[in-house]
Amino acid sequence: MHINNLKQPDRHVDYNKPIILCISSCGAKHQKLSIKFKSNNKSLGDLIVPRYIFVTADDEVHWSKALVGWAILYQQLPEIDFADNIKIKNILRNVDELGLGNFRYYRWDTKSRKYKIPA
């Protein structure tokens, strides 16, 4: 699918939280979507770019561990202020320390109009 074919999600009038994208699949750490958003940033128009893209960053994650790791992440994300990168990093570190997978995020930078990867 070409990035220009992405459709805007139907938004309720009262929805004002950032859009996030979670990619839970084998090889997700090699995703190219973040690069596509950058390379097509002039043609994005009014497309709302996900503020964060979350992926698993391990070469191999066992299904049962990934299931619990994603569940923890999904449970804690709605309570997060997405402007607070430290809290997001702490959640991901906690999941990693539990042995449930190493998660990575890509954060959209509105000034440079590209995704930034934490060091």
N, C-alpha and C. Protein backbone atom coordinates (compact mmCIF):
# COMPACT_ATOMS: atom_id res chain seq x y z
N MET A 1 0.84 -1.16 0.00
CA MET A 1 0.00 0.00 0.00
C MET A 1 0.89 1.24 0.00
N HIS A 2 0.58 2.15 -0.85
CA HIS A 2 1.32 3.40 -0.92
C HIS A 2 0.82 4.35 0.15
N ILE A 3 1.72 5.12 0.74
CA ILE A 3 1.35 6.02 1.83
C ILE A 3 0.28 7.03 1.42
N ASN A 4 0.24 7.40 0.16
CA ASN A 4 -0.77 8.36 -0.29
C ASN A 4 -2.18 7.76 -0.27
N ASN A 5 -2.28 6.43 -0.16
CA ASN A 5 -3.58 5.78 -0.11
C ASN A 5 -4.11 5.63 1.31
N LEU A 6 -3.34 6.06 2.31
CA LEU A 6 -3.80 5.98 3.69
C LEU A 6 -5.01 6.89 3.87
N LYS A 7 -5.96 6.42 4.60
CA LYS A 7 -7.18 7.19 4.85
C LYS A 7 -7.13 7.76 6.26
N GLN A 8 -7.70 8.92 6.42
CA GLN A 8 -7.84 9.52 7.74
C GLN A 8 -8.81 8.67 8.54
N PRO A 9 -8.50 8.41 9.82
CA PRO A 9 -9.47 7.70 10.64
C PRO A 9 -10.69 8.59 10.88
N ASP A 10 -11.85 7.96 10.96
CA ASP A 10 -13.03 8.73 11.33
C ASP A 10 -12.80 9.23 12.75
N ARG A 11 -12.96 10.51 12.94
CA ARG A 11 -12.69 11.10 14.25
C ARG A 11 -13.99 11.64 14.83
N HIS A 12 -14.20 11.32 16.10
CA HIS A 12 -15.31 11.91 16.82
C HIS A 12 -14.93 13.34 17.17
N VAL A 13 -15.89 14.19 17.24
CA VAL A 13 -15.63 15.60 17.52
C VAL A 13 -14.89 15.77 18.84
N ASP A 14 -15.18 14.94 19.82
CA ASP A 14 -14.58 15.10 21.14
C ASP A 14 -13.25 14.36 21.30
N TYR A 15 -12.75 13.72 20.26
CA TYR A 15 -11.47 13.01 20.36
C TYR A 15 -10.33 13.99 20.12
N ASN A 16 -9.48 14.16 21.13
CA ASN A 16 -8.40 15.13 20.99
C ASN A 16 -7.04 14.58 21.43
N LYS A 17 -6.93 13.27 21.50
CA LYS A 17 -5.66 12.66 21.89
C LYS A 17 -4.84 12.33 20.65
N PRO A 18 -3.54 12.17 20.84
CA PRO A 18 -2.70 11.85 19.67
C PRO A 18 -3.00 10.46 19.13
N ILE A 19 -2.76 10.31 17.85
CA ILE A 19 -2.88 9.01 17.19
C ILE A 19 -1.56 8.28 17.39
N ILE A 20 -1.62 7.00 17.76
CA ILE A 20 -0.41 6.18 17.83
C ILE A 20 -0.63 4.96 16.94
N LEU A 21 0.47 4.35 16.52
CA LEU A 21 0.42 3.16 15.70
C LEU A 21 1.29 2.11 16.36
N CYS A 22 0.74 0.93 16.58
CA CYS A 22 1.50 -0.18 17.15
C CYS A 22 1.64 -1.26 16.08
N ILE A 23 2.88 -1.65 15.82
CA ILE A 23 3.15 -2.68 14.83
C ILE A 23 3.66 -3.91 15.57
N SER A 24 2.79 -4.90 15.67
CA SER A 24 3.12 -6.13 16.36
C SER A 24 3.24 -7.23 15.32
N SER A 25 4.46 -7.43 14.86
CA SER A 25 4.68 -8.47 13.84
C SER A 25 6.14 -8.88 13.86
N CYS A 26 6.42 -10.03 13.28
CA CYS A 26 7.80 -10.46 13.14
C CYS A 26 8.52 -9.46 12.24
N GLY A 27 9.73 -9.09 12.62
CA GLY A 27 10.52 -8.18 11.81
C GLY A 27 10.07 -6.74 11.89
N ALA A 28 9.24 -6.40 12.88
CA ALA A 28 8.72 -5.03 12.97
C ALA A 28 9.82 -4.00 13.17
N LYS A 29 10.94 -4.42 13.73
CA LYS A 29 12.02 -3.45 13.94
C LYS A 29 12.61 -2.97 12.61
N HIS A 30 12.28 -3.66 11.53
CA HIS A 30 12.77 -3.26 10.21
C HIS A 30 11.69 -2.51 9.41
N GLN A 31 10.66 -2.05 10.09
CA GLN A 31 9.57 -1.35 9.40
C GLN A 31 10.10 -0.13 8.66
N LYS A 32 9.43 0.22 7.59
CA LYS A 32 9.85 1.36 6.76
C LYS A 32 8.79 2.48 6.75
N LEU A 33 7.72 2.28 7.47
CA LEU A 33 6.64 3.26 7.47
C LEU A 33 7.12 4.63 7.96
N SER A 34 7.96 4.64 8.98
CA SER A 34 8.46 5.93 9.50
C SER A 34 9.27 6.67 8.43
N ILE A 35 9.99 5.93 7.61
CA ILE A 35 10.77 6.54 6.53
C ILE A 35 9.83 7.03 5.43
N LYS A 36 8.78 6.28 5.15
CA LYS A 36 7.82 6.68 4.12
C LYS A 36 7.14 7.99 4.49
N PHE A 37 6.77 8.15 5.76
CA PHE A 37 6.17 9.41 6.17
C PHE A 37 7.13 10.56 5.94
N LYS A 38 8.41 10.36 6.24
CA LYS A 38 9.39 11.42 6.04
C LYS A 38 9.57 11.71 4.55
N SER A 39 9.76 10.68 3.76
CA SER A 39 10.06 10.90 2.35
C SER A 39 8.86 11.46 1.58
N ASN A 40 7.67 11.29 2.12
CA ASN A 40 6.47 11.80 1.47
C ASN A 40 5.87 12.98 2.22
N ASN A 41 6.66 13.65 3.06
CA ASN A 41 6.06 14.65 3.93
C ASN A 41 5.44 15.82 3.18
N LYS A 42 5.85 16.09 1.96
CA LYS A 42 5.23 17.19 1.21
C LYS A 42 3.87 16.77 0.66
N SER A 43 3.66 15.47 0.48
CA SER A 43 2.39 15.00 -0.07
C SER A 43 1.43 14.49 1.01
N LEU A 44 1.76 14.71 2.28
CA LEU A 44 0.91 14.21 3.35
C LEU A 44 -0.41 14.98 3.45
N GLY A 45 -0.40 16.21 2.98
CA GLY A 45 -1.63 17.01 3.04
C GLY A 45 -2.12 17.14 4.46
N ASP A 46 -3.40 16.82 4.68
CA ASP A 46 -3.96 16.95 6.01
C ASP A 46 -3.97 15.62 6.77
N LEU A 47 -3.24 14.64 6.28
CA LEU A 47 -3.15 13.36 6.97
C LEU A 47 -2.56 13.59 8.35
N ILE A 48 -3.21 13.06 9.36
CA ILE A 48 -2.68 13.16 10.71
C ILE A 48 -1.68 12.03 10.90
N VAL A 49 -0.43 12.40 11.02
CA VAL A 49 0.64 11.42 11.17
C VAL A 49 0.62 10.90 12.60
N PRO A 50 0.76 9.58 12.80
CA PRO A 50 0.80 9.08 14.18
C PRO A 50 1.92 9.76 14.97
N ARG A 51 1.60 10.20 16.17
CA ARG A 51 2.61 10.85 17.03
C ARG A 51 3.71 9.87 17.37
N TYR A 52 3.34 8.62 17.62
CA TYR A 52 4.31 7.57 17.94
C TYR A 52 4.01 6.33 17.12
N ILE A 53 5.08 5.63 16.74
CA ILE A 53 4.97 4.29 16.20
C ILE A 53 5.72 3.39 17.17
N PHE A 54 5.04 2.38 17.70
CA PHE A 54 5.66 1.42 18.62
C PHE A 54 5.88 0.11 17.88
N VAL A 55 7.05 -0.49 18.08
CA VAL A 55 7.39 -1.77 17.46
C VAL A 55 8.17 -2.62 18.46
N THR A 56 8.22 -3.92 18.20
CA THR A 56 9.15 -4.77 18.95
C THR A 56 10.51 -4.64 18.28
N ALA A 57 11.56 -4.56 19.10
CA ALA A 57 12.89 -4.31 18.55
C ALA A 57 13.80 -5.53 18.65
N ASP A 58 13.27 -6.65 19.10
CA ASP A 58 14.07 -7.87 19.18
C ASP A 58 14.05 -8.61 17.85
N ASP A 59 15.10 -9.41 17.62
CA ASP A 59 15.10 -10.24 16.42
C ASP A 59 14.02 -11.30 16.51
N GLU A 60 13.81 -11.81 17.71
CA GLU A 60 12.81 -12.84 17.91
C GLU A 60 12.13 -12.60 19.25
N VAL A 61 10.82 -12.61 19.24
CA VAL A 61 10.03 -12.48 20.46
C VAL A 61 9.05 -13.64 20.47
N HIS A 62 9.05 -14.39 21.57
CA HIS A 62 8.11 -15.49 21.67
C HIS A 62 6.70 -14.93 21.80
N TRP A 63 5.75 -15.58 21.15
CA TRP A 63 4.40 -15.09 21.07
C TRP A 63 3.81 -14.82 22.45
N SER A 64 3.98 -15.75 23.39
CA SER A 64 3.37 -15.59 24.71
C SER A 64 3.95 -14.38 25.45
N LYS A 65 5.24 -14.12 25.28
CA LYS A 65 5.85 -12.95 25.92
C LYS A 65 5.41 -11.66 25.24
N ALA A 66 5.35 -11.67 23.93
CA ALA A 66 4.91 -10.48 23.19
C ALA A 66 3.47 -10.14 23.55
N LEU A 67 2.64 -11.14 23.70
CA LEU A 67 1.23 -10.92 24.06
C LEU A 67 1.12 -10.16 25.37
N VAL A 68 1.87 -10.59 26.38
CA VAL A 68 1.82 -9.93 27.69
C VAL A 68 2.48 -8.55 27.62
N GLY A 69 3.61 -8.45 26.91
CA GLY A 69 4.29 -7.16 26.78
C GLY A 69 3.40 -6.11 26.13
N TRP A 70 2.74 -6.48 25.03
CA TRP A 70 1.84 -5.54 24.36
C TRP A 70 0.66 -5.20 25.26
N ALA A 71 0.15 -6.19 25.99
CA ALA A 71 -1.00 -5.94 26.89
C ALA A 71 -0.63 -4.90 27.95
N ILE A 72 0.57 -5.01 28.50
CA ILE A 72 1.02 -4.03 29.49
C ILE A 72 1.14 -2.65 28.85
N LEU A 73 1.73 -2.61 27.67
CA LEU A 73 1.88 -1.34 26.97
C LEU A 73 0.50 -0.72 26.67
N TYR A 74 -0.42 -1.52 26.14
CA TYR A 74 -1.76 -1.01 25.82
C TYR A 74 -2.49 -0.52 27.07
N GLN A 75 -2.27 -1.21 28.18
CA GLN A 75 -2.96 -0.84 29.42
C GLN A 75 -2.45 0.49 29.96
N GLN A 76 -1.17 0.78 29.79
CA GLN A 76 -0.58 1.98 30.38
C GLN A 76 -0.58 3.19 29.45
N LEU A 77 -0.62 3.00 28.16
CA LEU A 77 -0.56 4.13 27.23
C LEU A 77 -1.70 5.14 27.36
N PRO A 78 -2.94 4.72 27.58
CA PRO A 78 -4.01 5.73 27.67
C PRO A 78 -3.81 6.73 28.82
N GLU A 79 -3.04 6.38 29.81
CA GLU A 79 -2.83 7.26 30.95
C GLU A 79 -1.64 8.19 30.78
N ILE A 80 -0.93 8.06 29.68
CA ILE A 80 0.33 8.78 29.46
C ILE A 80 0.09 10.14 28.83
N ASP A 81 0.88 11.11 29.26
CA ASP A 81 0.98 12.38 28.57
C ASP A 81 2.04 12.17 27.49
N PHE A 82 1.63 12.15 26.22
CA PHE A 82 2.56 11.81 25.15
C PHE A 82 3.65 12.84 24.92
N ALA A 83 3.56 13.96 25.61
CA ALA A 83 4.64 14.94 25.55
C ALA A 83 5.77 14.57 26.50
N ASP A 84 5.53 13.59 27.36
CA ASP A 84 6.52 13.18 28.37
C ASP A 84 7.26 11.93 27.90
N ASN A 85 8.34 12.13 27.17
CA ASN A 85 9.12 11.00 26.63
C ASN A 85 9.68 10.11 27.74
N ILE A 86 10.01 10.69 28.89
CA ILE A 86 10.59 9.91 29.99
C ILE A 86 9.61 8.84 30.47
N LYS A 87 8.34 9.19 30.62
CA LYS A 87 7.35 8.20 31.06
C LYS A 87 7.20 7.09 30.04
N ILE A 88 7.22 7.44 28.78
CA ILE A 88 7.11 6.41 27.73
C ILE A 88 8.32 5.49 27.78
N LYS A 89 9.51 6.07 27.90
CA LYS A 89 10.73 5.25 28.00
C LYS A 89 10.68 4.34 29.22
N ASN A 90 10.14 4.84 30.34
CA ASN A 90 10.04 4.03 31.55
C ASN A 90 9.12 2.84 31.36
N ILE A 91 7.99 3.04 30.71
CA ILE A 91 7.07 1.92 30.44
C ILE A 91 7.78 0.87 29.60
N LEU A 92 8.44 1.31 28.53
CA LEU A 92 9.13 0.36 27.65
C LEU A 92 10.26 -0.36 28.38
N ARG A 93 10.99 0.37 29.22
CA ARG A 93 12.06 -0.26 29.99
C ARG A 93 11.50 -1.30 30.97
N ASN A 94 10.37 -0.98 31.62
CA ASN A 94 9.76 -1.93 32.55
C ASN A 94 9.34 -3.21 31.85
N VAL A 95 8.77 -3.10 30.65
CA VAL A 95 8.38 -4.28 29.89
C VAL A 95 9.62 -5.10 29.55
N ASP A 96 10.69 -4.42 29.14
CA ASP A 96 11.94 -5.10 28.81
C ASP A 96 12.52 -5.81 30.03
N GLU A 97 12.52 -5.13 31.18
CA GLU A 97 13.08 -5.73 32.40
C GLU A 97 12.29 -6.94 32.87
N LEU A 98 11.01 -7.01 32.53
CA LEU A 98 10.20 -8.18 32.86
C LEU A 98 10.49 -9.35 31.91
N GLY A 99 11.32 -9.12 30.90
CA GLY A 99 11.66 -10.16 29.95
C GLY A 99 10.56 -10.40 28.92
N LEU A 100 9.74 -9.37 28.67
CA LEU A 100 8.59 -9.52 27.78
C LEU A 100 8.80 -8.89 26.41
N GLY A 101 10.04 -8.59 26.09
CA GLY A 101 10.35 -8.02 24.79
C GLY A 101 10.93 -6.63 24.91
N ASN A 102 11.73 -6.30 23.93
CA ASN A 102 12.35 -4.99 23.86
C ASN A 102 11.54 -4.17 22.85
N PHE A 103 10.88 -3.13 23.33
CA PHE A 103 10.05 -2.30 22.47
C PHE A 103 10.79 -1.02 22.13
N ARG A 104 10.52 -0.50 20.95
CA ARG A 104 11.12 0.75 20.49
C ARG A 104 9.99 1.66 20.04
N TYR A 105 10.25 2.94 20.11
CA TYR A 105 9.27 3.86 19.55
C TYR A 105 9.95 4.83 18.61
N TYR A 106 9.16 5.32 17.68
CA TYR A 106 9.56 6.39 16.77
C TYR A 106 8.62 7.54 17.10
N ARG A 107 9.16 8.72 17.37
CA ARG A 107 8.36 9.88 17.76
C ARG A 107 8.38 10.92 16.65
N TRP A 108 7.20 11.33 16.19
CA TRP A 108 7.09 12.31 15.13
C TRP A 108 7.50 13.68 15.65
N ASP A 109 8.41 14.31 14.95
CA ASP A 109 8.85 15.66 15.29
C ASP A 109 8.21 16.62 14.29
N THR A 110 7.33 17.48 14.78
CA THR A 110 6.58 18.36 13.89
C THR A 110 7.47 19.41 13.22
N LYS A 111 8.55 19.80 13.88
CA LYS A 111 9.43 20.81 13.28
C LYS A 111 10.20 20.25 12.09
N SER A 112 10.82 19.09 12.27
CA SER A 112 11.62 18.51 11.18
C SER A 112 10.76 17.66 10.24
N ARG A 113 9.52 17.39 10.64
CA ARG A 113 8.59 16.56 9.88
C ARG A 113 9.19 15.19 9.55
N LYS A 114 9.73 14.55 10.59
CA LYS A 114 10.24 13.19 10.46
C LYS A 114 10.18 12.53 11.83
N TYR A 115 10.36 11.21 11.81
CA TYR A 115 10.36 10.46 13.07
C TYR A 115 11.75 10.47 13.67
N LYS A 116 11.78 10.62 14.99
CA LYS A 116 13.03 10.54 15.73
C LYS A 116 13.04 9.25 16.52
N ILE A 117 14.20 8.64 16.57
CA ILE A 117 14.38 7.40 17.31
C ILE A 117 15.20 7.72 18.54
N PRO A 118 14.74 7.30 19.73
CA PRO A 118 15.54 7.59 20.94
C PRO A 118 16.87 6.87 20.89
N ALA A 119 17.86 7.50 21.48
CA ALA A 119 19.21 6.91 21.51
C ALA A 119 19.28 5.76 22.47
